[in-house]
Amino acid sequence: MLAIKLVAGLTAGILIAGITPPAGLEPASMRFLGIFACVMIYLLTEALPTYALALLLCSSFVIFKVAPFSMAFGQFASDTMMLLIGALGIGAGISKSGLLNRVTLNIMQLFPGNFRGQIFAFLTTGTIVGPLIPSSFAKLAIAAPFGKAVAENLGMDKESKGAAGIFSAVWIAFGNAAPVFLSASVWGYLVLGLLPSPYKEQFTWGHWLAAAWPWGAVILAGSYLAIMLLYQPEQELQLSADYGKKALNALGPMTWNEKITAFIMAIAVILWVSERIHGISASLVALCAWGLMLSFKVLEAQDIKTCIPWDMLIFIGAILNLAALFSPLKIDSWIGTVAGPHLEPMTSNIFIFVAGVSLLVYLARFVILSQMATFTVFSVILIPLALEAGFNPWIVPFIVLVSSGVWNLYFQNTVFLATLAASGDMTTHKQMTKMSIAYMLISTLGLWACIPVWKLLGIIP
């Protein structure tokens, strides 16, 4: 089976690379498209590990004279990659210090101890702590056991409606709602890296939030209503009055690592939000914050090796390098010229464009089980069409990102499965399928809610 996958990808690549370049493209462009097709087939069929594909992809650009070495590998030293490395380092420090546990408990005890109050508590807490750690799985790995403990203390049986509701709130708030903040997941930085240079500089931490908050507001409000409709237990349940206090007492007083981490993060967030005022790039802020955590021993040398997913970073760097070659090889303008007229009915109306892209991604995810593959293919192909239509290209990867995080099929979302395991299987995938369908509808409505704000910000005409 592996041999068939490898031969299929190689054959497609050779055939496409050998095609006579159409008007607007050059032989190097066709070699690029051949390499791209080969790698996408391997990615979609999971023929090779993603980090291996990353190295082969960039090396092939140089070997087959598509681009010089400095261009084929240049994005590994880009501002986006440095920002991502620094942010992941910060996330590792926050997780190791235990600060996230304390912040989560302090926020959650402010809410009523019944089912409604705890659903609202998880949705609120996930939103507040979201931008502090750019790893959804790291946050979910911490929050999921909290969710299980709350469900058990409310007297909910495993796999009950109420337990599924608690899990839904944890999953949405600490996971799927992440795109509302640039720094809440690695995906935000990948979106940023795919943008052409003039547009990339526009999306500071604050500008991203200004463009994404309507989607986030609709996701949180809609998810709350969906959970109440789908999973509310038949009888009223109540946590003990001192549940939160006991949990905080079990943590003990704040440690030195928690205090220094809280101070570093407070300064970092302030600098991120005010980037347009002081001009210090978000990547420098992230790297300095990570450096301070290492200096104050919040993180040790071995944590650099174990707490940062270097394999994922290598793949992300390769995707950024791939996207950076579209413009020099004139592939973006060629796609816009060829496909633009056929998609004009969709791009002529922003509401139809948003719903159309979302629907395409939802359908594709039934066939393409890899979220990364779905995101890469749709983003790279549709960004030129957005530019041709006069849209800021940011909307394409943002729409694709929020639409690709569904979990309709059991093996469709690996982070979902990992969160389910971290929760002690407090619910089942079958119970959660209803919430995935609700999420698709709510997310599309949230994207529509963004349109007036996008107009005000000049993101769309």
Protein backbone atom coordinates (compact mmCIF):
# COMPACT_ATOMS: atom_id res chain seq x y z
CA MET A 1 0.00 0.00 0.00
CA LEU A 2 2.84 2.40 0.84
CA ALA A 3 4.49 1.67 -2.50
CA ILE A 4 1.27 2.55 -4.34
CA LYS A 5 1.03 5.86 -2.49
CA LEU A 6 4.65 6.74 -3.20
CA VAL A 7 4.40 5.83 -6.90
CA ALA A 8 1.11 7.73 -7.28
CA GLY A 9 2.56 10.92 -5.82
CA LEU A 10 5.76 10.67 -7.83
CA THR A 11 3.88 9.95 -11.07
CA ALA A 12 1.53 12.91 -10.60
CA GLY A 13 4.48 15.17 -9.83
CA ILE A 14 6.43 14.14 -12.93
CA LEU A 15 3.41 14.46 -15.23
CA ILE A 16 2.50 17.94 -13.98
CA ALA A 17 6.12 19.15 -14.04
CA GLY A 18 6.41 18.04 -17.67
CA ILE A 19 3.39 19.99 -18.91
CA THR A 20 4.13 22.89 -21.23
CA PRO A 21 3.64 26.03 -19.13
CA PRO A 22 0.37 27.84 -19.92
CA ALA A 23 0.34 31.59 -20.47
CA GLY A 24 1.53 33.37 -17.35
CA LEU A 25 3.70 30.53 -16.01
CA GLU A 26 7.27 29.37 -16.57
CA PRO A 27 8.96 25.93 -16.52
CA ALA A 28 10.02 26.55 -12.89
CA SER A 29 6.36 27.16 -12.05
CA MET A 30 5.39 23.78 -13.46
CA ARG A 31 8.16 22.06 -11.51
CA PHE A 32 6.83 23.77 -8.39
CA LEU A 33 3.29 22.55 -9.12
CA GLY A 34 4.59 19.03 -9.73
CA ILE A 35 6.42 19.02 -6.38
CA PHE A 36 3.35 20.53 -4.69
CA ALA A 37 1.04 17.86 -6.15
CA CYS A 38 3.39 15.05 -5.12
CA VAL A 39 3.71 16.32 -1.55
CA MET A 40 -0.04 16.94 -1.20
CA ILE A 41 -0.77 13.35 -2.28
CA TYR A 42 1.69 12.07 0.31
CA LEU A 43 0.15 14.37 2.92
CA LEU A 44 -3.45 13.39 2.14
CA THR A 45 -2.65 9.67 2.08
CA GLU A 46 -0.30 9.92 5.09
CA ALA A 47 2.36 8.13 3.07
CA LEU A 48 5.23 9.84 4.93
CA PRO A 49 5.58 11.66 8.26
CA THR A 50 4.84 15.37 7.99
CA TYR A 51 8.28 16.45 9.21
CA ALA A 52 9.95 14.22 6.60
CA LEU A 53 7.72 15.72 3.90
CA ALA A 54 8.72 19.17 5.08
CA LEU A 55 12.41 18.54 4.56
CA LEU A 56 11.85 16.81 1.21
CA LEU A 57 9.60 19.62 0.00
CA CYS A 58 12.07 22.45 0.62
CA SER A 59 15.03 20.41 -0.59
CA SER A 60 13.20 19.56 -3.83
CA PHE A 61 12.71 23.25 -4.59
CA VAL A 62 16.48 23.69 -4.58
CA ILE A 63 17.39 20.41 -6.31
CA PHE A 64 14.99 21.00 -9.19
CA LYS A 65 15.95 24.68 -9.48
CA VAL A 66 12.56 26.05 -8.52
CA ALA A 67 14.14 28.49 -6.06
CA PRO A 68 17.56 29.20 -4.54
CA PHE A 69 18.37 27.77 -1.11
CA SER A 70 17.89 31.13 0.62
CA MET A 71 14.33 31.34 -0.71
CA ALA A 72 13.40 27.66 -0.39
CA PHE A 73 14.36 27.59 3.30
CA GLY A 74 14.09 31.31 4.09
CA GLN A 75 10.87 31.13 6.10
CA PHE A 76 12.53 29.02 8.79
CA ALA A 77 14.22 32.24 9.93
CA SER A 78 11.15 34.43 9.40
CA ASP A 79 9.45 36.64 11.95
CA THR A 80 6.50 34.26 12.01
CA MET A 81 8.63 31.22 12.87
CA MET A 82 10.47 33.11 15.62
CA LEU A 83 7.13 34.26 17.01
CA LEU A 84 5.83 30.70 16.98
CA ILE A 85 8.93 29.28 18.68
CA GLY A 86 8.84 31.97 21.36
CA ALA A 87 5.11 31.52 21.95
CA LEU A 88 5.43 27.74 22.28
CA GLY A 89 8.28 28.27 24.75
CA ILE A 90 6.07 30.59 26.78
CA GLY A 91 3.25 28.04 26.70
CA ALA A 92 5.58 25.35 28.00
CA GLY A 93 6.61 27.63 30.87
CA ILE A 94 3.03 28.44 31.86
CA SER A 95 2.06 24.77 31.79
CA LYS A 96 5.07 23.63 33.82
CA SER A 97 4.76 26.39 36.43
CA GLY A 98 1.19 25.34 37.32
CA LEU A 99 -0.09 28.89 36.84
CA LEU A 100 -2.83 27.79 34.43
CA ASN A 101 -4.33 25.43 37.04
CA ARG A 102 -4.50 28.22 39.61
CA VAL A 103 -5.95 30.80 37.21
CA THR A 104 -8.57 28.30 36.02
CA LEU A 105 -9.73 27.47 39.55
CA ASN A 106 -9.82 31.11 40.63
CA ILE A 107 -12.03 32.08 37.71
CA MET A 108 -14.34 29.07 37.93
CA GLN A 109 -15.19 29.54 41.61
CA LEU A 110 -16.67 32.95 40.74
CA PHE A 111 -19.61 31.26 39.01
CA PRO A 112 -22.66 29.45 40.39
CA GLY A 113 -22.10 25.79 41.24
CA ASN A 114 -25.02 24.45 39.18
CA PHE A 115 -24.86 23.00 35.65
CA ARG A 116 -25.64 26.30 33.91
CA GLY A 117 -23.14 28.19 36.02
CA GLN A 118 -20.33 25.69 35.41
CA ILE A 119 -20.93 25.61 31.65
CA PHE A 120 -20.66 29.40 31.66
CA ALA A 121 -17.59 29.14 33.90
CA PHE A 122 -15.74 26.83 31.51
CA LEU A 123 -16.63 28.95 28.47
CA THR A 124 -15.45 32.10 30.23
CA THR A 125 -12.29 30.57 31.69
CA GLY A 126 -11.23 29.08 28.38
CA THR A 127 -11.64 32.46 26.72
CA ILE A 128 -9.58 34.26 29.36
CA VAL A 129 -6.67 31.81 29.49
CA GLY A 130 -6.83 31.04 25.77
CA PRO A 131 -4.33 33.63 24.50
CA LEU A 132 -1.73 32.70 27.14
CA ILE A 133 -0.78 29.32 25.65
CA PRO A 134 -0.52 28.72 21.86
CA SER A 135 -1.20 25.00 22.22
CA SER A 136 -4.83 23.93 22.33
CA PHE A 137 -3.86 20.43 23.37
CA ALA A 138 -1.78 21.70 26.31
CA LYS A 139 -4.75 23.71 27.57
CA LEU A 140 -7.19 20.87 26.96
CA ALA A 141 -4.92 18.38 28.72
CA ILE A 142 -5.18 20.56 31.82
CA ALA A 143 -8.84 21.55 31.49
CA ALA A 144 -10.29 18.12 30.62
CA PRO A 145 -9.51 16.57 34.04
CA PHE A 146 -11.07 19.69 35.63
CA GLY A 147 -14.18 19.02 33.59
CA LYS A 148 -14.31 15.41 34.75
CA ALA A 149 -13.87 16.44 38.39
CA VAL A 150 -16.67 19.02 38.14
CA ALA A 151 -19.01 16.50 36.49
CA GLU A 152 -18.29 13.92 39.20
CA ASN A 153 -18.80 16.45 42.01
CA LEU A 154 -22.10 17.46 40.43
CA GLY A 155 -23.15 13.82 40.73
CA MET A 156 -23.18 13.14 36.98
CA ASP A 157 -22.68 9.60 35.76
CA LYS A 158 -20.07 8.85 33.13
CA GLU A 159 -21.48 9.23 29.58
CA SER A 160 -24.56 11.05 30.90
CA LYS A 161 -26.06 14.05 29.13
CA GLY A 162 -24.69 16.41 31.75
CA ALA A 163 -21.15 14.99 31.49
CA ALA A 164 -21.32 15.43 27.70
CA GLY A 165 -22.37 19.04 28.26
CA ILE A 166 -19.43 19.74 30.57
CA PHE A 167 -17.04 18.13 28.08
CA SER A 168 -18.54 20.21 25.25
CA ALA A 169 -17.90 23.43 27.16
CA VAL A 170 -14.29 22.43 27.87
CA TRP A 171 -13.68 21.36 24.27
CA ILE A 172 -15.13 24.51 22.71
CA ALA A 173 -13.65 27.05 25.13
CA PHE A 174 -10.14 25.65 25.48
CA GLY A 175 -9.93 24.22 21.96
CA ASN A 176 -12.17 25.24 19.09
CA ALA A 177 -12.63 28.86 20.16
CA ALA A 178 -8.86 29.45 19.95
CA PRO A 179 -8.91 31.25 16.55
CA VAL A 180 -10.43 34.34 18.15
CA PHE A 181 -6.92 35.16 19.46
CA LEU A 182 -3.72 35.14 17.41
CA SER A 183 -1.72 33.68 20.30
CA ALA A 184 -4.24 31.01 21.39
CA SER A 185 -2.98 28.29 19.02
CA VAL A 186 -0.18 27.56 16.58
CA TRP A 187 -2.74 27.83 13.80
CA GLY A 188 -2.93 31.59 14.26
CA TYR A 189 0.76 31.95 13.49
CA LEU A 190 0.45 29.63 10.51
CA VAL A 191 -2.38 31.80 9.14
CA LEU A 192 -0.18 34.84 9.60
CA GLY A 193 2.73 33.20 7.81
CA LEU A 194 0.65 32.37 4.75
CA LEU A 195 -0.24 36.00 4.10
CA PRO A 196 1.66 38.09 1.54
CA SER A 197 3.96 40.62 3.19
CA PRO A 198 1.83 43.78 2.90
CA TYR A 199 -1.08 42.05 4.62
CA LYS A 200 0.96 40.15 7.21
CA GLU A 201 2.13 43.35 8.89
CA GLN A 202 -1.46 44.53 9.37
CA PHE A 203 -2.42 41.68 11.67
CA THR A 204 -0.96 42.52 15.02
CA TRP A 205 -2.37 40.79 18.09
CA GLY A 206 -4.93 43.56 18.55
CA HIS A 207 -5.93 43.80 14.88
CA TRP A 208 -6.51 40.03 14.77
CA LEU A 209 -8.78 40.25 17.81
CA ALA A 210 -10.65 43.19 16.28
CA ALA A 211 -11.35 41.12 13.17
CA ALA A 212 -12.19 37.83 14.91
CA TRP A 213 -14.13 38.79 18.04
CA PRO A 214 -17.64 38.60 16.45
CA TRP A 215 -16.97 35.00 15.46
CA GLY A 216 -15.75 34.25 18.98
CA ALA A 217 -18.77 35.90 20.59
CA VAL A 218 -21.19 33.91 18.44
CA ILE A 219 -19.27 30.66 19.06
CA LEU A 220 -19.39 31.08 22.84
CA ALA A 221 -23.00 32.26 23.02
CA GLY A 222 -24.18 29.72 20.46
CA SER A 223 -22.31 26.89 22.16
CA TYR A 224 -23.87 27.77 25.51
CA LEU A 225 -27.35 27.64 23.99
CA ALA A 226 -26.58 24.41 22.12
CA ILE A 227 -25.29 22.73 25.28
CA MET A 228 -28.38 23.79 27.20
CA LEU A 229 -30.58 22.43 24.42
CA LEU A 230 -28.71 19.17 23.81
CA TYR A 231 -27.18 18.17 27.14
CA GLN A 232 -28.92 19.84 30.09
CA PRO A 233 -29.58 17.20 32.79
CA GLU A 234 -33.17 16.57 33.76
CA GLN A 235 -32.67 17.44 37.43
CA GLU A 236 -30.87 20.39 39.01
CA LEU A 237 -27.39 19.56 40.33
CA GLN A 238 -25.20 21.65 42.63
CA LEU A 239 -21.52 21.66 43.59
CA SER A 240 -20.68 21.84 47.27
CA ALA A 241 -20.23 25.43 48.43
CA ASP A 242 -16.56 24.98 49.29
CA TYR A 243 -15.54 22.93 46.23
CA GLY A 244 -13.43 25.67 44.63
CA LYS A 245 -11.85 26.68 47.93
CA LYS A 246 -10.80 23.10 48.68
CA ALA A 247 -9.27 22.70 45.22
CA LEU A 248 -7.29 25.94 45.62
CA ASN A 249 -6.12 24.94 49.09
CA ALA A 250 -4.86 21.67 47.64
CA LEU A 251 -2.59 23.66 45.32
CA GLY A 252 -1.07 25.52 48.25
CA PRO A 253 0.35 29.07 48.08
CA MET A 254 1.70 30.47 44.82
CA THR A 255 5.19 29.22 44.07
CA TRP A 256 8.08 31.40 42.92
CA ASN A 257 7.74 29.94 39.40
CA GLU A 258 4.06 30.86 39.27
CA LYS A 259 4.73 34.41 40.44
CA ILE A 260 7.55 35.12 37.99
CA THR A 261 5.58 33.49 35.17
CA ALA A 262 2.53 35.65 35.96
CA PHE A 263 4.69 38.79 35.94
CA ILE A 264 6.38 37.89 32.63
CA MET A 265 3.05 37.07 30.99
CA ALA A 266 1.42 40.29 32.19
CA ILE A 267 4.20 42.32 30.57
CA ALA A 268 4.13 40.20 27.40
CA VAL A 269 0.36 40.57 26.92
CA ILE A 270 0.55 44.34 27.45
CA LEU A 271 3.33 44.61 24.86
CA TRP A 272 1.46 42.40 22.39
CA VAL A 273 -1.72 44.44 22.65
CA SER A 274 0.13 47.77 22.32
CA GLU A 275 2.46 46.75 19.48
CA ARG A 276 1.29 49.58 17.23
CA ILE A 277 2.28 52.11 19.91
CA HIS A 278 5.81 50.98 20.85
CA GLY A 279 6.76 49.19 17.60
CA ILE A 280 8.40 46.16 19.28
CA SER A 281 7.38 43.14 17.19
CA ALA A 282 5.38 40.34 18.77
CA SER A 283 8.13 37.87 17.90
CA LEU A 284 10.73 39.81 19.90
CA VAL A 285 8.34 40.04 22.86
CA ALA A 286 7.73 36.26 22.73
CA LEU A 287 11.43 35.42 22.45
CA CYS A 288 12.34 37.75 25.33
CA ALA A 289 9.57 36.33 27.52
CA TRP A 290 10.76 32.79 26.79
CA GLY A 291 14.34 33.85 27.51
CA LEU A 292 13.32 35.28 30.87
CA MET A 293 11.52 32.05 31.78
CA LEU A 294 14.69 30.14 30.99
CA SER A 295 16.80 32.66 32.92
CA PHE A 296 14.64 32.38 36.04
CA LYS A 297 14.60 28.56 35.80
CA VAL A 298 10.89 28.30 35.13
CA LEU A 299 12.07 26.10 32.29
CA GLU A 300 15.22 24.00 32.24
CA ALA A 301 17.47 23.09 29.33
CA GLN A 302 15.82 19.68 28.88
CA ASP A 303 12.42 21.36 28.54
CA ILE A 304 13.59 22.95 25.29
CA LYS A 305 13.90 19.45 23.86
CA THR A 306 10.73 17.91 25.28
CA CYS A 307 8.14 20.69 25.67
CA ILE A 308 8.30 22.17 22.18
CA PRO A 309 6.96 20.14 19.19
CA TRP A 310 9.92 20.61 16.86
CA ASP A 311 8.53 18.13 14.32
CA MET A 312 5.41 20.28 13.92
CA LEU A 313 7.51 23.44 13.67
CA ILE A 314 9.55 21.93 10.82
CA PHE A 315 6.36 21.16 8.90
CA ILE A 316 4.91 24.61 9.51
CA GLY A 317 8.14 26.18 8.28
CA ALA A 318 7.92 24.14 5.08
CA ILE A 319 4.32 25.24 4.47
CA LEU A 320 5.38 28.87 4.92
CA ASN A 321 8.22 28.38 2.43
CA LEU A 322 5.79 26.83 -0.05
CA ALA A 323 3.35 29.71 0.26
CA ALA A 324 6.15 32.28 -0.10
CA LEU A 325 6.99 30.93 -3.57
CA PHE A 326 3.51 31.44 -5.03
CA SER A 327 4.04 35.11 -5.84
CA PRO A 328 7.61 34.96 -7.28
CA LEU A 329 6.54 32.10 -9.57
CA LYS A 330 3.35 34.01 -10.54
CA ILE A 331 1.18 31.05 -9.56
CA ASP A 332 -1.11 33.19 -7.42
CA SER A 333 -1.98 35.52 -10.30
CA TRP A 334 -2.39 32.53 -12.66
CA ILE A 335 -4.86 30.82 -10.29
CA GLY A 336 -6.79 34.06 -9.96
CA THR A 337 -6.95 34.51 -13.75
CA VAL A 338 -7.97 30.91 -14.50
CA ALA A 339 -10.36 30.19 -11.63
CA GLY A 340 -11.60 33.71 -10.91
CA PRO A 341 -14.23 33.92 -13.68
CA HIS A 342 -15.66 30.51 -12.76
CA LEU A 343 -15.99 31.47 -9.09
CA GLU A 344 -17.19 35.02 -9.68
CA PRO A 345 -20.78 34.22 -8.54
CA MET A 346 -19.35 33.13 -5.18
CA THR A 347 -16.83 35.96 -4.76
CA SER A 348 -19.28 38.65 -5.85
CA ASN A 349 -21.21 38.22 -2.59
CA ILE A 350 -19.23 37.99 0.64
CA PHE A 351 -22.02 36.13 2.46
CA ILE A 352 -22.08 33.46 -0.25
CA PHE A 353 -18.27 33.33 -0.30
CA VAL A 354 -18.05 32.75 3.46
CA ALA A 355 -20.77 30.09 3.46
CA GLY A 356 -19.41 28.47 0.29
CA VAL A 357 -15.86 28.10 1.60
CA SER A 358 -17.16 26.80 4.94
CA LEU A 359 -19.35 24.23 3.22
CA LEU A 360 -16.52 23.08 0.96
CA VAL A 361 -14.28 22.55 3.99
CA TYR A 362 -17.02 20.74 5.95
CA LEU A 363 -17.55 18.35 3.04
CA ALA A 364 -13.83 17.90 2.41
CA ARG A 365 -13.26 16.87 6.02
CA PHE A 366 -15.38 13.76 5.45
CA VAL A 367 -12.76 12.66 2.92
CA ILE A 368 -9.59 14.40 4.12
CA LEU A 369 -9.13 13.27 7.70
CA SER A 370 -6.05 15.43 8.27
CA GLN A 371 -6.91 18.94 9.46
CA MET A 372 -3.45 20.16 8.46
CA ALA A 373 -3.87 18.80 4.92
CA THR A 374 -7.32 20.40 4.61
CA PHE A 375 -6.04 23.72 5.88
CA THR A 376 -3.01 23.74 3.61
CA VAL A 377 -4.79 22.77 0.39
CA PHE A 378 -7.74 25.14 0.73
CA SER A 379 -5.73 28.09 2.05
CA VAL A 380 -3.02 27.96 -0.60
CA ILE A 381 -5.49 27.57 -3.47
CA LEU A 382 -8.12 30.10 -2.32
CA ILE A 383 -5.87 32.95 -1.17
CA PRO A 384 -5.20 34.05 -4.79
CA LEU A 385 -8.95 34.04 -5.47
CA ALA A 386 -9.54 36.29 -2.47
CA LEU A 387 -6.91 38.71 -3.75
CA GLU A 388 -8.50 38.66 -7.21
CA ALA A 389 -11.87 39.52 -5.63
CA GLY A 390 -10.38 42.43 -3.68
CA PHE A 391 -10.59 40.75 -0.26
CA ASN A 392 -7.85 40.84 2.33
CA PRO A 393 -6.41 37.30 1.99
CA TRP A 394 -6.53 36.81 5.79
CA ILE A 395 -10.20 35.85 5.57
CA VAL A 396 -9.44 32.68 3.59
CA PRO A 397 -7.18 30.81 6.05
CA PHE A 398 -9.29 32.13 8.93
CA ILE A 399 -12.49 30.71 7.41
CA VAL A 400 -10.74 27.43 6.53
CA LEU A 401 -9.26 27.18 10.03
CA VAL A 402 -12.50 27.63 11.96
CA SER A 403 -14.36 25.35 9.55
CA SER A 404 -11.84 22.50 9.60
CA GLY A 405 -12.01 21.84 13.36
CA VAL A 406 -15.08 19.58 13.18
CA TRP A 407 -15.31 16.11 14.71
CA ASN A 408 -18.21 14.46 12.86
CA LEU A 409 -16.25 11.24 12.28
CA TYR A 410 -14.39 9.37 15.01
CA PHE A 411 -10.94 9.71 13.41
CA GLN A 412 -11.55 13.19 12.04
CA ASN A 413 -9.93 15.21 14.81
CA THR A 414 -6.95 13.82 16.70
CA VAL A 415 -6.93 16.63 19.26
CA PHE A 416 -10.57 15.83 20.06
CA LEU A 417 -9.69 12.17 20.64
CA ALA A 418 -6.75 13.14 22.84
CA THR A 419 -9.01 15.43 24.88
CA LEU A 420 -11.57 12.65 25.24
CA ALA A 421 -8.85 10.40 26.62
CA ALA A 422 -7.57 13.15 28.96
CA SER A 423 -11.09 13.49 30.36
CA GLY A 424 -11.16 9.81 31.31
CA ASP A 425 -13.71 9.15 28.55
CA MET A 426 -16.36 11.09 30.47
CA THR A 427 -18.46 11.07 27.30
CA THR A 428 -18.45 9.32 23.91
CA HIS A 429 -17.84 10.46 20.37
CA LYS A 430 -21.39 9.43 19.47
CA GLN A 431 -22.79 11.78 22.10
CA MET A 432 -20.59 14.60 20.83
CA THR A 433 -21.56 14.27 17.16
CA LYS A 434 -24.62 16.45 17.77
CA MET A 435 -22.37 19.20 19.10
CA SER A 436 -20.16 19.00 16.01
CA ILE A 437 -23.18 19.57 13.77
CA ALA A 438 -24.24 22.48 15.98
CA TYR A 439 -20.70 23.88 15.79
CA MET A 440 -20.80 23.92 11.97
CA LEU A 441 -23.96 26.01 11.98
CA ILE A 442 -22.80 28.30 14.78
CA SER A 443 -19.40 28.86 13.18
CA THR A 444 -20.94 29.86 9.85
CA LEU A 445 -23.25 32.30 11.63
CA GLY A 446 -20.24 33.65 13.50
CA LEU A 447 -18.37 34.27 10.26
CA TRP A 448 -21.38 36.11 8.87
CA ALA A 449 -21.41 38.22 12.04
CA CYS A 450 -17.82 39.25 11.23
CA ILE A 451 -18.72 40.73 7.85
CA PRO A 452 -19.85 44.20 9.09
CA VAL A 453 -16.68 44.44 11.22
CA TRP A 454 -14.53 43.34 8.29
CA LYS A 455 -16.03 46.14 6.23
CA LEU A 456 -15.28 48.70 8.93
CA LEU A 457 -11.68 47.45 9.17
CA GLY A 458 -11.23 47.53 5.40
CA ILE A 459 -10.66 43.78 5.21
CA ILE A 460 -13.38 43.48 2.56
CA PRO A 461 -14.67 46.22 0.19
